[in-house]
Amino acid sequence: MSVLESLKWRYATKSFDKSKKIKKEDLEKIKEAVRLSATSYGLQLFKVLIIENDQTREELKPFSYNQTQITDSDILMIFCSNTQVKSSDIDDYIKLKSETENINIENLKGYADFMKAKLTSMTPEKTSIWTQKQTYLALSNLLTICGELQIDTCPIEGFESEKYNEVLGLDSKGLYAAVAVSIGYRSEDDKGSNADKVRKTNMQLFETIS
């Protein structure tokens, strides 16, 4: 399918078929789409947890308003944003940029200093909002590639982040559970599979300022 056709095909699947499994090669494509996502400054200040363990998912379910897609999908992914922007995060990125693009690291010092001055001085609240936004950019890529692969998804914001953090031990890792997504294949009795997509018209959504 074309990208537009795959976007029309996908929807937020609520009922998954537990017997259907995602192929390993398809999972690698999904991971690569997330890895290639755009992020501010290219820093990728998040980590994605791939939760396959049934017991862990059962632990998370009560903190997800008992949504069945938490446990019934083949895979649950949790996008965790960094709770801080550290100088070492920027140093690591600059080192990787130097090696990847074959640039003398000294020539990137000015750029590194600029990022450090701007990003490490943000308030904790502003940092939290900014890093969480990065996870949504990556989530968007995941939803798109899954649509192309005809793998069903359900992005999930309806959960208690603090409880997720506790169950997964995220606080000690400097991470925060920002958004989750269930991935797998729709159940035959999922009511949303035949529903028309509800979206505003282009006339309502876009305004050209010339």
C-alpha atoms as a PDB file:
ATOM      1  CA  MET A   1       0.000   0.000   0.000  1.00  0.00           C
ATOM      2  CA  SER A   2       0.975   3.622  -0.431  1.00  0.00           C
ATOM      3  CA  VAL A   3       1.631   5.643   2.713  1.00  0.00           C
ATOM      4  CA  LEU A   4      -1.740   7.383   2.418  1.00  0.00           C
ATOM      5  CA  GLU A   5      -3.572   4.114   1.887  1.00  0.00           C
ATOM      6  CA  SER A   6      -1.866   2.578   4.910  1.00  0.00           C
ATOM      7  CA  LEU A   7      -2.844   5.590   7.027  1.00  0.00           C
ATOM      8  CA  LYS A   8      -6.446   5.127   5.920  1.00  0.00           C
ATOM      9  CA  TRP A   9      -6.204   1.419   6.771  1.00  0.00           C
ATOM     10  CA  ARG A  10      -4.911   1.783  10.333  1.00  0.00           C
ATOM     11  CA  TYR A  11      -7.019   2.650  13.352  1.00  0.00           C
ATOM     12  CA  ALA A  12      -6.685   2.432  17.130  1.00  0.00           C
ATOM     13  CA  THR A  13      -7.247  -1.289  17.580  1.00  0.00           C
ATOM     14  CA  LYS A  14      -8.952  -2.136  20.873  1.00  0.00           C
ATOM     15  CA  SER A  15      -9.270  -5.910  20.575  1.00  0.00           C
ATOM     16  CA  PHE A  16      -6.207  -7.957  19.611  1.00  0.00           C
ATOM     17  CA  ASP A  17      -5.858 -11.588  18.558  1.00  0.00           C
ATOM     18  CA  LYS A  18      -3.456 -13.045  21.134  1.00  0.00           C
ATOM     19  CA  SER A  19      -2.619 -16.010  18.895  1.00  0.00           C
ATOM     20  CA  LYS A  20      -1.060 -13.915  16.122  1.00  0.00           C
ATOM     21  CA  LYS A  21       2.607 -12.992  16.444  1.00  0.00           C
ATOM     22  CA  ILE A  22       4.715 -10.328  14.751  1.00  0.00           C
ATOM     23  CA  LYS A  23       7.539 -11.655  12.581  1.00  0.00           C
ATOM     24  CA  LYS A  24      11.032 -10.894  13.844  1.00  0.00           C
ATOM     25  CA  GLU A  25      11.948  -9.143  10.584  1.00  0.00           C
ATOM     26  CA  ASP A  26       8.875  -6.906  10.870  1.00  0.00           C
ATOM     27  CA  LEU A  27       9.767  -5.995  14.446  1.00  0.00           C
ATOM     28  CA  GLU A  28      13.228  -4.975  13.234  1.00  0.00           C
ATOM     29  CA  LYS A  29      11.623  -2.705  10.621  1.00  0.00           C
ATOM     30  CA  ILE A  30       9.460  -1.125  13.307  1.00  0.00           C
ATOM     31  CA  LYS A  31      12.494  -0.527  15.523  1.00  0.00           C
ATOM     32  CA  GLU A  32      14.406   0.993  12.611  1.00  0.00           C
ATOM     33  CA  ALA A  33      11.537   3.404  11.852  1.00  0.00           C
ATOM     34  CA  VAL A  34      11.623   4.547  15.481  1.00  0.00           C
ATOM     35  CA  ARG A  35      15.422   4.884  15.386  1.00  0.00           C
ATOM     36  CA  LEU A  36      15.250   7.054  12.269  1.00  0.00           C
ATOM     37  CA  SER A  37      12.623   9.405  13.710  1.00  0.00           C
ATOM     38  CA  ALA A  38      13.251  13.105  13.781  1.00  0.00           C
ATOM     39  CA  THR A  39      14.050  14.541  17.224  1.00  0.00           C
ATOM     40  CA  SER A  40      15.083  17.998  18.385  1.00  0.00           C
ATOM     41  CA  TYR A  41      18.809  18.467  17.705  1.00  0.00           C
ATOM     42  CA  GLY A  42      18.897  14.750  16.842  1.00  0.00           C
ATOM     43  CA  LEU A  43      19.581  13.956  20.515  1.00  0.00           C
ATOM     44  CA  GLN A  44      17.068  11.077  20.841  1.00  0.00           C
ATOM     45  CA  LEU A  45      16.525  11.668  24.560  1.00  0.00           C
ATOM     46  CA  PHE A  46      14.261   8.680  25.101  1.00  0.00           C
ATOM     47  CA  LYS A  47      14.340   4.912  25.414  1.00  0.00           C
ATOM     48  CA  VAL A  48      11.759   2.435  24.144  1.00  0.00           C
ATOM     49  CA  LEU A  49      10.932  -0.552  26.326  1.00  0.00           C
ATOM     50  CA  ILE A  50       9.619  -3.612  24.477  1.00  0.00           C
ATOM     51  CA  ILE A  51       7.460  -5.488  26.972  1.00  0.00           C
ATOM     52  CA  GLU A  52       6.924  -9.097  25.967  1.00  0.00           C
ATOM     53  CA  ASN A  53       6.758 -10.551  29.487  1.00  0.00           C
ATOM     54  CA  ASP A  54       3.164 -11.494  30.326  1.00  0.00           C
ATOM     55  CA  GLN A  55       3.587 -11.050  34.075  1.00  0.00           C
ATOM     56  CA  THR A  56       4.923  -7.514  33.695  1.00  0.00           C
ATOM     57  CA  ARG A  57       2.033  -6.622  31.419  1.00  0.00           C
ATOM     58  CA  GLU A  58      -0.455  -8.013  33.936  1.00  0.00           C
ATOM     59  CA  GLU A  59       1.181  -5.805  36.581  1.00  0.00           C
ATOM     60  CA  LEU A  60       0.766  -2.751  34.342  1.00  0.00           C
ATOM     61  CA  LYS A  61      -2.840  -3.461  33.351  1.00  0.00           C
ATOM     62  CA  PRO A  62      -4.513  -2.177  36.560  1.00  0.00           C
ATOM     63  CA  PHE A  63      -2.605   1.081  36.134  1.00  0.00           C
ATOM     64  CA  SER A  64      -3.912   1.302  32.553  1.00  0.00           C
ATOM     65  CA  TYR A  65      -7.609   1.374  33.458  1.00  0.00           C
ATOM     66  CA  ASN A  66      -7.672  -2.380  32.732  1.00  0.00           C
ATOM     67  CA  GLN A  67      -7.460  -1.862  28.978  1.00  0.00           C
ATOM     68  CA  THR A  68      -7.263  -5.297  27.390  1.00  0.00           C
ATOM     69  CA  GLN A  69      -4.830  -4.212  24.678  1.00  0.00           C
ATOM     70  CA  ILE A  70      -2.155  -3.942  27.389  1.00  0.00           C
ATOM     71  CA  THR A  71      -2.126  -7.720  27.781  1.00  0.00           C
ATOM     72  CA  ASP A  72      -3.722  -9.049  24.574  1.00  0.00           C
ATOM     73  CA  SER A  73      -1.493  -7.487  21.914  1.00  0.00           C
ATOM     74  CA  ASP A  74       1.641  -9.339  20.874  1.00  0.00           C
ATOM     75  CA  ILE A  75       3.946  -6.565  22.079  1.00  0.00           C
ATOM     76  CA  LEU A  76       3.602  -3.552  24.347  1.00  0.00           C
ATOM     77  CA  MET A  77       6.076  -0.743  23.748  1.00  0.00           C
ATOM     78  CA  ILE A  78       6.578   2.047  26.256  1.00  0.00           C
ATOM     79  CA  PHE A  79       8.279   5.243  25.136  1.00  0.00           C
ATOM     80  CA  CYS A  80      10.220   6.658  28.079  1.00  0.00           C
ATOM     81  CA  SER A  81      11.523  10.206  27.998  1.00  0.00           C
ATOM     82  CA  ASN A  82      14.674  11.353  29.761  1.00  0.00           C
ATOM     83  CA  THR A  83      13.898  13.316  32.920  1.00  0.00           C
ATOM     84  CA  GLN A  84      17.044  15.425  32.516  1.00  0.00           C
ATOM     85  CA  VAL A  85      19.190  16.803  29.737  1.00  0.00           C
ATOM     86  CA  LYS A  86      22.769  16.292  30.866  1.00  0.00           C
ATOM     87  CA  SER A  87      25.979  17.667  29.393  1.00  0.00           C
ATOM     88  CA  SER A  88      27.076  14.077  28.868  1.00  0.00           C
ATOM     89  CA  ASP A  89      24.043  13.475  26.615  1.00  0.00           C
ATOM     90  CA  ILE A  90      25.218  16.281  24.375  1.00  0.00           C
ATOM     91  CA  ASP A  91      28.856  15.125  24.513  1.00  0.00           C
ATOM     92  CA  ASP A  92      27.765  11.631  23.438  1.00  0.00           C
ATOM     93  CA  TYR A  93      25.805  13.051  20.508  1.00  0.00           C
ATOM     94  CA  ILE A  94      28.676  15.299  19.411  1.00  0.00           C
ATOM     95  CA  LYS A  95      31.075  12.343  19.532  1.00  0.00           C
ATOM     96  CA  LEU A  96      28.688  10.249  17.424  1.00  0.00           C
ATOM     97  CA  LYS A  97      28.183  13.117  14.953  1.00  0.00           C
ATOM     98  CA  SER A  98      31.950  13.575  14.654  1.00  0.00           C
ATOM     99  CA  GLU A  99      32.489   9.872  13.940  1.00  0.00           C
ATOM    100  CA  THR A 100      29.510   9.482  11.613  1.00  0.00           C
ATOM    101  CA  GLU A 101      30.114  12.582   9.510  1.00  0.00           C
ATOM    102  CA  ASN A 102      33.932  12.490   9.757  1.00  0.00           C
ATOM    103  CA  ILE A 103      34.096  15.951  11.315  1.00  0.00           C
ATOM    104  CA  ASN A 104      36.878  17.009  13.675  1.00  0.00           C
ATOM    105  CA  ILE A 105      35.251  17.076  17.093  1.00  0.00           C
ATOM    106  CA  GLU A 106      36.904  20.412  17.880  1.00  0.00           C
ATOM    107  CA  ASN A 107      34.943  21.963  15.016  1.00  0.00           C
ATOM    108  CA  LEU A 108      31.719  20.972  16.790  1.00  0.00           C
ATOM    109  CA  LYS A 109      32.612  22.531  20.144  1.00  0.00           C
ATOM    110  CA  GLY A 110      30.665  25.726  19.452  1.00  0.00           C
ATOM    111  CA  TYR A 111      27.544  23.753  18.595  1.00  0.00           C
ATOM    112  CA  ALA A 112      27.947  21.616  21.707  1.00  0.00           C
ATOM    113  CA  ASP A 113      28.358  24.688  23.931  1.00  0.00           C
ATOM    114  CA  PHE A 114      25.249  26.263  22.372  1.00  0.00           C
ATOM    115  CA  MET A 115      23.148  23.161  23.094  1.00  0.00           C
ATOM    116  CA  LYS A 116      24.465  22.864  26.634  1.00  0.00           C
ATOM    117  CA  ALA A 117      23.689  26.509  27.398  1.00  0.00           C
ATOM    118  CA  LYS A 118      20.183  26.231  25.979  1.00  0.00           C
ATOM    119  CA  LEU A 119      19.102  22.778  27.099  1.00  0.00           C
ATOM    120  CA  THR A 120      20.736  22.165  30.466  1.00  0.00           C
ATOM    121  CA  SER A 121      19.400  25.470  31.835  1.00  0.00           C
ATOM    122  CA  MET A 122      15.722  24.566  31.306  1.00  0.00           C
ATOM    123  CA  THR A 123      13.528  24.148  34.366  1.00  0.00           C
ATOM    124  CA  PRO A 124      12.648  20.548  35.306  1.00  0.00           C
ATOM    125  CA  GLU A 125       9.059  21.135  34.194  1.00  0.00           C
ATOM    126  CA  LYS A 126      10.088  22.511  30.802  1.00  0.00           C
ATOM    127  CA  THR A 127      12.610  19.703  30.353  1.00  0.00           C
ATOM    128  CA  SER A 128       9.927  17.114  31.074  1.00  0.00           C
ATOM    129  CA  ILE A 129       7.527  18.606  28.529  1.00  0.00           C
ATOM    130  CA  TRP A 130      10.239  18.952  25.885  1.00  0.00           C
ATOM    131  CA  THR A 131      11.630  15.425  26.194  1.00  0.00           C
ATOM    132  CA  GLN A 132       8.149  13.885  26.225  1.00  0.00           C
ATOM    133  CA  LYS A 133       7.393  15.622  22.924  1.00  0.00           C
ATOM    134  CA  GLN A 134      10.289  13.731  21.351  1.00  0.00           C
ATOM    135  CA  THR A 135       8.632  10.395  22.129  1.00  0.00           C
ATOM    136  CA  TYR A 136       5.541  11.408  20.161  1.00  0.00           C
ATOM    137  CA  LEU A 137       7.620  12.113  17.060  1.00  0.00           C
ATOM    138  CA  ALA A 138       8.993   8.581  17.268  1.00  0.00           C
ATOM    139  CA  LEU A 139       5.560   7.118  18.009  1.00  0.00           C
ATOM    140  CA  SER A 140       4.216   8.716  14.828  1.00  0.00           C
ATOM    141  CA  ASN A 141       6.862   6.918  12.768  1.00  0.00           C
ATOM    142  CA  LEU A 142       5.943   3.647  14.465  1.00  0.00           C
ATOM    143  CA  LEU A 143       2.252   4.039  13.640  1.00  0.00           C
ATOM    144  CA  THR A 144       3.101   4.799  10.006  1.00  0.00           C
ATOM    145  CA  ILE A 145       5.445   1.843   9.458  1.00  0.00           C
ATOM    146  CA  CYS A 146       3.007  -0.514  11.180  1.00  0.00           C
ATOM    147  CA  GLY A 147       0.287   0.703   8.831  1.00  0.00           C
ATOM    148  CA  GLU A 148       2.501  -0.094   5.836  1.00  0.00           C
ATOM    149  CA  LEU A 149       3.220  -3.558   7.264  1.00  0.00           C
ATOM    150  CA  GLN A 150      -0.485  -4.034   8.037  1.00  0.00           C
ATOM    151  CA  ILE A 151       0.291  -4.550  11.691  1.00  0.00           C
ATOM    152  CA  ASP A 152      -2.291  -3.152  14.071  1.00  0.00           C
ATOM    153  CA  THR A 153      -1.559  -0.627  16.793  1.00  0.00           C
ATOM    154  CA  CYS A 154      -3.211   1.269  19.588  1.00  0.00           C
ATOM    155  CA  PRO A 155      -1.376   4.304  20.987  1.00  0.00           C
ATOM    156  CA  ILE A 156      -2.119   4.610  24.709  1.00  0.00           C
ATOM    157  CA  GLU A 157      -1.929   7.674  26.928  1.00  0.00           C
ATOM    158  CA  GLY A 158      -4.485   6.332  29.406  1.00  0.00           C
ATOM    159  CA  PHE A 159      -2.207   5.017  32.126  1.00  0.00           C
ATOM    160  CA  GLU A 160      -0.696   6.161  35.429  1.00  0.00           C
ATOM    161  CA  SER A 161       2.842   7.135  34.520  1.00  0.00           C
ATOM    162  CA  GLU A 162       4.068   7.193  38.119  1.00  0.00           C
ATOM    163  CA  LYS A 163       2.884   3.601  38.639  1.00  0.00           C
ATOM    164  CA  TYR A 164       4.491   2.504  35.378  1.00  0.00           C
ATOM    165  CA  ASN A 165       7.694   4.163  36.549  1.00  0.00           C
ATOM    166  CA  GLU A 166       7.480   2.227  39.803  1.00  0.00           C
ATOM    167  CA  VAL A 167       6.775  -1.186  38.247  1.00  0.00           C
ATOM    168  CA  LEU A 168       9.528  -0.771  35.634  1.00  0.00           C
ATOM    169  CA  GLY A 169      12.079   0.912  37.924  1.00  0.00           C
ATOM    170  CA  LEU A 170      12.329   3.960  35.677  1.00  0.00           C
ATOM    171  CA  ASP A 171      13.002   6.669  38.271  1.00  0.00           C
ATOM    172  CA  SER A 172      16.444   5.271  39.094  1.00  0.00           C
ATOM    173  CA  LYS A 173      17.245   5.255  35.373  1.00  0.00           C
ATOM    174  CA  GLY A 174      16.270   8.897  34.837  1.00  0.00           C
ATOM    175  CA  LEU A 175      13.320   7.884  32.654  1.00  0.00           C
ATOM    176  CA  TYR A 176       9.598   8.667  32.615  1.00  0.00           C
ATOM    177  CA  ALA A 177       6.847   6.589  30.989  1.00  0.00           C
ATOM    178  CA  ALA A 178       5.470   9.096  28.477  1.00  0.00           C
ATOM    179  CA  VAL A 179       3.305   7.118  26.050  1.00  0.00           C
ATOM    180  CA  ALA A 180       2.685   3.477  25.194  1.00  0.00           C
ATOM    181  CA  VAL A 181       1.551   1.529  22.141  1.00  0.00           C
ATOM    182  CA  SER A 182       0.117  -1.955  21.766  1.00  0.00           C
ATOM    183  CA  ILE A 183       1.227  -3.775  18.611  1.00  0.00           C
ATOM    184  CA  GLY A 184      -0.176  -6.945  17.071  1.00  0.00           C
ATOM    185  CA  TYR A 185      -3.095  -8.079  14.936  1.00  0.00           C
ATOM    186  CA  ARG A 186      -6.742  -7.178  15.297  1.00  0.00           C
ATOM    187  CA  SER A 187      -9.278  -9.661  16.570  1.00  0.00           C
ATOM    188  CA  GLU A 188     -12.021 -10.606  14.122  1.00  0.00           C
ATOM    189  CA  ASP A 189     -14.618  -9.213  16.508  1.00  0.00           C
ATOM    190  CA  ASP A 190     -12.923  -5.825  17.006  1.00  0.00           C
ATOM    191  CA  LYS A 191     -15.722  -3.330  16.461  1.00  0.00           C
ATOM    192  CA  GLY A 192     -13.486  -0.596  15.085  1.00  0.00           C
ATOM    193  CA  SER A 193     -12.161  -2.556  12.116  1.00  0.00           C
ATOM    194  CA  ASN A 194     -15.075  -1.670   9.827  1.00  0.00           C
ATOM    195  CA  ALA A 195     -15.820   1.794  11.148  1.00  0.00           C
ATOM    196  CA  ASP A 196     -15.376   4.824   8.924  1.00  0.00           C
ATOM    197  CA  LYS A 197     -12.437   7.042   9.819  1.00  0.00           C
ATOM    198  CA  VAL A 198     -13.622  10.198  11.566  1.00  0.00           C
ATOM    199  CA  ARG A 199     -11.492  13.152  10.495  1.00  0.00           C
ATOM    200  CA  LYS A 200     -12.022  16.838   9.751  1.00  0.00           C
ATOM    201  CA  THR A 201     -12.040  17.943   6.133  1.00  0.00           C
ATOM    202  CA  ASN A 202      -9.027  19.725   4.647  1.00  0.00           C
ATOM    203  CA  MET A 203     -11.143  22.889   4.541  1.00  0.00           C
ATOM    204  CA  GLN A 204     -11.656  22.697   8.295  1.00  0.00           C
ATOM    205  CA  LEU A 205      -8.129  21.644   9.172  1.00  0.00           C
ATOM    206  CA  PHE A 206      -5.915  23.806   6.983  1.00  0.00           C
ATOM    207  CA  GLU A 207      -5.675  27.550   6.479  1.00  0.00           C
ATOM    208  CA  THR A 208      -3.341  29.086   3.918  1.00  0.00           C
ATOM    209  CA  ILE A 209      -1.792  32.418   4.858  1.00  0.00           C
ATOM    210  CA  SER A 210      -0.358  34.097   1.769  1.00  0.00           C
END
